């Protein structure tokens, strides 16, 4: 029998392995990697990701308020500011390369999956304890770093726009951010009881499932039926 993972975040990753590998094999992710993705499909992802980031930043703010120490609170507060300023500015500039204006981004409506995912994250951040919040946040940060590094291991796509996307998420500074978030989760789990750890597992798995659903949402151009 294999030894149990030393880190709780490794334990969470093992629980979600099937979900994460389904992300890597998703046709939208594969299309970014080989450069063959229809730009209209990626534009759908960009529009919805912009709306997701607005709420993800709010989750950072709530995580800062619930953080167990000043250093962790300060890092989440910095992430809040950087997401609402630098990252969203970069997102708008990148979207413009796909013909999406800032006005179109601002007027976009959340697809059902985006609404469900952000509702879950905000509800968790507002009502759950910090350990569960940290576990819910981790699949987005760590997952994109993992996907970026996996795609970067192959030949770069001919479309420079997709190559830049891969480089962004494969970058060492993004890997450092994912590592920091893992360390926050590990520290929270170290002082948690069995019931809290089970809630952390559930939160991590649900966020991982929403991450996979987010790719599928953009692939299908998911919309409300009415």
Protein backbone atom coordinates (compact mmCIF):
# COMPACT_ATOMS: atom_id res chain seq x y z
CA UNK A 1 0.00 0.00 0.00
CA UNK A 2 1.44 3.44 -0.94
CA UNK A 3 2.33 5.79 1.88
CA UNK A 4 -0.13 8.54 2.72
CA UNK A 5 0.81 11.99 1.33
CA UNK A 6 2.85 14.09 3.74
CA UNK A 7 0.93 17.25 2.91
CA UNK A 8 -2.81 17.67 3.21
CA UNK A 9 -2.85 19.54 -0.11
CA UNK A 10 -1.29 16.46 -1.76
CA UNK A 11 -4.08 14.39 -0.20
CA UNK A 12 -6.65 16.79 -1.70
CA UNK A 13 -4.96 16.64 -5.09
CA UNK A 14 -5.04 12.83 -5.01
CA UNK A 15 -8.76 12.85 -4.21
CA UNK A 16 -9.43 15.08 -7.23
CA UNK A 17 -6.98 13.44 -9.65
CA UNK A 18 -9.64 12.15 -12.05
CA UNK A 19 -11.25 15.59 -12.22
CA UNK A 20 -7.96 17.39 -12.80
CA UNK A 21 -6.87 14.98 -15.52
CA UNK A 22 -10.24 15.46 -17.21
CA UNK A 23 -9.44 19.18 -17.35
CA UNK A 24 -6.10 18.54 -19.04
CA UNK A 25 -7.75 16.28 -21.63
CA UNK A 26 -10.71 18.63 -22.23
CA UNK A 27 -10.90 19.71 -25.90
CA UNK A 28 -10.79 23.40 -24.98
CA UNK A 29 -7.58 22.96 -23.01
CA UNK A 30 -6.10 20.72 -25.69
CA UNK A 31 -7.04 23.33 -28.28
CA UNK A 32 -5.12 26.02 -26.39
CA UNK A 33 -2.13 23.69 -26.19
CA UNK A 34 -2.00 22.82 -29.88
CA UNK A 35 -3.22 26.22 -31.08
CA UNK A 36 -6.19 24.80 -32.95
CA UNK A 37 -8.92 26.18 -30.69
CA UNK A 38 -11.63 28.23 -32.41
CA UNK A 39 -11.05 31.83 -31.21
CA UNK A 40 -14.81 32.23 -30.73
CA UNK A 41 -14.75 29.46 -28.12
CA UNK A 42 -11.82 31.04 -26.32
CA UNK A 43 -13.60 34.41 -26.45
CA UNK A 44 -16.49 32.83 -24.55
CA UNK A 45 -14.05 31.62 -21.90
CA UNK A 46 -12.48 35.09 -21.69
CA UNK A 47 -15.82 36.84 -21.18
CA UNK A 48 -16.90 34.46 -18.44
CA UNK A 49 -13.47 34.44 -16.79
CA UNK A 50 -13.66 38.23 -16.50
CA UNK A 51 -16.89 37.91 -14.51
CA UNK A 52 -15.39 35.11 -12.46
CA UNK A 53 -12.37 37.23 -11.53
CA UNK A 54 -14.56 40.03 -10.24
CA UNK A 55 -16.09 37.66 -7.69
CA UNK A 56 -12.85 35.79 -7.05
CA UNK A 57 -11.39 39.12 -5.91
CA UNK A 58 -14.30 39.51 -3.49
CA UNK A 59 -13.50 36.07 -2.10
CA UNK A 60 -9.92 37.25 -1.50
CA UNK A 61 -11.33 40.14 0.52
CA UNK A 62 -13.45 37.83 2.64
CA UNK A 63 -10.50 35.46 3.08
CA UNK A 64 -8.40 38.39 4.31
CA UNK A 65 -11.07 39.24 6.87
CA UNK A 66 -11.19 35.63 8.12
CA UNK A 67 -7.44 34.94 7.99
CA UNK A 68 -5.86 33.61 11.20
CA UNK A 69 -2.82 35.92 11.14
CA UNK A 70 -1.75 39.33 9.83
CA UNK A 71 0.65 37.99 7.21
CA UNK A 72 -1.98 35.79 5.55
CA UNK A 73 -4.53 38.60 5.71
CA UNK A 74 -2.07 41.00 4.07
CA UNK A 75 -1.32 38.56 1.23
CA UNK A 76 -5.01 38.04 0.48
CA UNK A 77 -5.58 41.80 0.62
CA UNK A 78 -2.75 42.27 -1.89
CA UNK A 79 -4.30 39.63 -4.16
CA UNK A 80 -7.61 41.50 -3.95
CA UNK A 81 -6.01 44.75 -5.06
CA UNK A 82 -3.87 43.15 -7.78
CA UNK A 83 -6.83 41.25 -9.22
CA UNK A 84 -9.11 44.29 -9.39
CA UNK A 85 -6.41 46.50 -10.92
CA UNK A 86 -3.49 44.85 -12.70
CA UNK A 87 -5.04 41.50 -13.59
CA UNK A 88 -8.34 42.89 -14.85
CA UNK A 89 -6.51 45.54 -16.89
CA UNK A 90 -4.43 42.80 -18.50
CA UNK A 91 -7.57 40.74 -19.04
CA UNK A 92 -9.26 43.62 -20.86
CA UNK A 93 -6.22 44.17 -23.07
CA UNK A 94 -6.00 40.45 -23.85
CA UNK A 95 -9.72 40.25 -24.61
CA UNK A 96 -9.35 43.12 -27.07
CA UNK A 97 -7.07 40.88 -29.16
CA UNK A 98 -10.10 38.62 -29.63
CA UNK A 99 -12.37 41.52 -30.57
CA UNK A 100 -14.00 41.89 -27.16
CA UNK A 101 -14.34 45.47 -25.96
CA UNK A 102 -14.23 46.60 -22.35
CA UNK A 103 -17.89 47.58 -22.70
CA UNK A 104 -18.78 44.08 -23.88
CA UNK A 105 -16.99 42.56 -20.90
CA UNK A 106 -18.82 44.87 -18.50
CA UNK A 107 -22.17 44.00 -20.09
CA UNK A 108 -21.66 40.25 -20.14
CA UNK A 109 -24.12 38.01 -18.26
CA UNK A 110 -22.90 35.12 -16.16
CA UNK A 111 -23.56 31.71 -17.65
CA UNK A 112 -25.25 29.21 -15.31
CA UNK A 113 -21.96 27.48 -14.45
CA UNK A 114 -20.19 30.78 -13.73
CA UNK A 115 -23.08 31.85 -11.52
CA UNK A 116 -23.09 28.56 -9.62
CA UNK A 117 -19.31 28.52 -9.13
CA UNK A 118 -19.05 32.11 -7.90
CA UNK A 119 -22.12 31.69 -5.68
CA UNK A 120 -20.45 28.67 -4.06
CA UNK A 121 -17.17 30.49 -3.49
CA UNK A 122 -18.80 33.63 -2.08
CA UNK A 123 -21.13 31.62 0.16
CA UNK A 124 -18.18 29.59 1.46
CA UNK A 125 -16.09 32.72 2.04
CA UNK A 126 -18.93 34.45 3.89
CA UNK A 127 -20.19 31.57 6.04
CA UNK A 128 -17.54 28.86 6.39
CA UNK A 129 -14.44 28.81 8.54
CA UNK A 130 -11.08 29.87 7.14
CA UNK A 131 -9.82 26.34 6.52
CA UNK A 132 -12.75 25.59 4.22
CA UNK A 133 -12.35 28.93 2.42
CA UNK A 134 -8.70 28.19 1.71
CA UNK A 135 -9.54 24.73 0.36
CA UNK A 136 -12.23 26.16 -1.92
CA UNK A 137 -9.82 28.75 -3.33
CA UNK A 138 -6.98 26.34 -4.04
CA UNK A 139 -8.19 24.46 -7.17
CA UNK A 140 -8.29 27.63 -9.27
CA UNK A 141 -4.80 28.86 -8.34
CA UNK A 142 -3.08 25.49 -8.26
CA UNK A 143 -5.04 24.03 -11.16
CA UNK A 144 -4.12 26.77 -13.64
CA UNK A 145 -0.47 26.55 -12.62
CA UNK A 146 -0.57 22.79 -13.15
CA UNK A 147 -2.31 23.09 -16.53
CA UNK A 148 0.04 25.84 -17.68
CA UNK A 149 3.11 23.80 -16.82
CA UNK A 150 1.67 20.69 -18.47
CA UNK A 151 0.92 22.57 -21.70
CA UNK A 152 4.29 24.34 -21.63
CA UNK A 153 6.00 20.95 -21.66
CA UNK A 154 4.83 20.47 -25.25
CA UNK A 155 5.55 22.43 -28.42
CA UNK A 156 4.27 26.01 -28.24
CA UNK A 157 1.14 26.75 -30.29
CA UNK A 158 1.59 28.78 -33.47
CA UNK A 159 -1.05 31.29 -32.33
CA UNK A 160 0.93 33.75 -30.20
CA UNK A 161 -2.18 34.60 -28.18
CA UNK A 162 -2.47 31.03 -26.90
CA UNK A 163 1.29 30.80 -26.38
CA UNK A 164 1.12 33.85 -24.09
CA UNK A 165 -1.76 32.29 -22.13
CA UNK A 166 0.31 29.16 -21.52
CA UNK A 167 3.37 31.21 -20.56
CA UNK A 168 1.32 33.22 -18.07
CA UNK A 169 0.11 30.21 -16.14
CA UNK A 170 3.36 28.25 -16.49
CA UNK A 171 5.37 31.16 -15.08
CA UNK A 172 7.39 30.70 -11.88
CA UNK A 173 5.63 33.59 -10.12
CA UNK A 174 2.26 31.94 -10.68
CA UNK A 175 3.69 28.65 -9.41
CA UNK A 176 4.90 30.49 -6.32
CA UNK A 177 1.40 31.82 -5.73
CA UNK A 178 -0.05 28.32 -6.04
CA UNK A 179 2.58 27.03 -3.62
CA UNK A 180 1.72 29.74 -1.11
CA UNK A 181 -1.96 28.85 -1.29
CA UNK A 182 -1.09 25.18 -0.75
CA UNK A 183 0.92 26.17 2.32
CA UNK A 184 -2.07 28.11 3.67
CA UNK A 185 -4.27 25.03 3.22
CA UNK A 186 -1.67 22.76 4.80
CA UNK A 187 -1.34 25.05 7.81
CA UNK A 188 -5.11 25.26 8.23
CA UNK A 189 -5.45 21.49 8.06
CA UNK A 190 -2.67 20.95 10.61
CA UNK A 191 -4.74 22.52 13.34
CA UNK A 192 -8.09 21.17 12.21
CA UNK A 193 -10.17 18.30 13.48
CA UNK A 194 -11.57 15.48 11.38
CA UNK A 195 -14.88 17.26 10.73
CA UNK A 196 -13.13 20.37 9.41
CA UNK A 197 -10.83 18.29 7.22
CA UNK A 198 -13.83 16.54 5.71
CA UNK A 199 -15.35 19.93 4.89
CA UNK A 200 -12.05 20.98 3.32
CA UNK A 201 -12.09 17.86 1.18
CA UNK A 202 -15.65 18.55 0.05
CA UNK A 203 -14.86 22.18 -0.77
CA UNK A 204 -11.74 21.26 -2.75
CA UNK A 205 -13.58 18.58 -4.71
CA UNK A 206 -16.52 20.84 -5.52
CA UNK A 207 -14.28 23.67 -6.70
CA UNK A 208 -12.35 21.17 -8.83
CA UNK A 209 -15.61 19.99 -10.38
CA UNK A 210 -16.61 23.57 -11.10
CA UNK A 211 -13.23 24.18 -12.73
CA UNK A 212 -13.90 21.30 -15.11
CA UNK A 213 -17.46 22.52 -15.66
CA UNK A 214 -16.13 26.00 -16.49
CA UNK A 215 -14.16 24.62 -19.46
CA UNK A 216 -17.21 22.71 -20.64
CA UNK A 217 -19.39 25.81 -20.22
CA UNK A 218 -17.16 27.82 -22.57
CA UNK A 219 -16.80 24.90 -24.99
CA UNK A 220 -20.58 24.66 -25.36
CA UNK A 221 -21.18 28.44 -25.13
CA UNK A 222 -23.57 27.71 -22.27
CA UNK A 223 -26.45 30.15 -21.88
CA UNK A 224 -29.63 30.40 -19.87
CA UNK A 225 -32.50 28.75 -21.76
CA UNK A 226 -34.68 31.86 -21.50
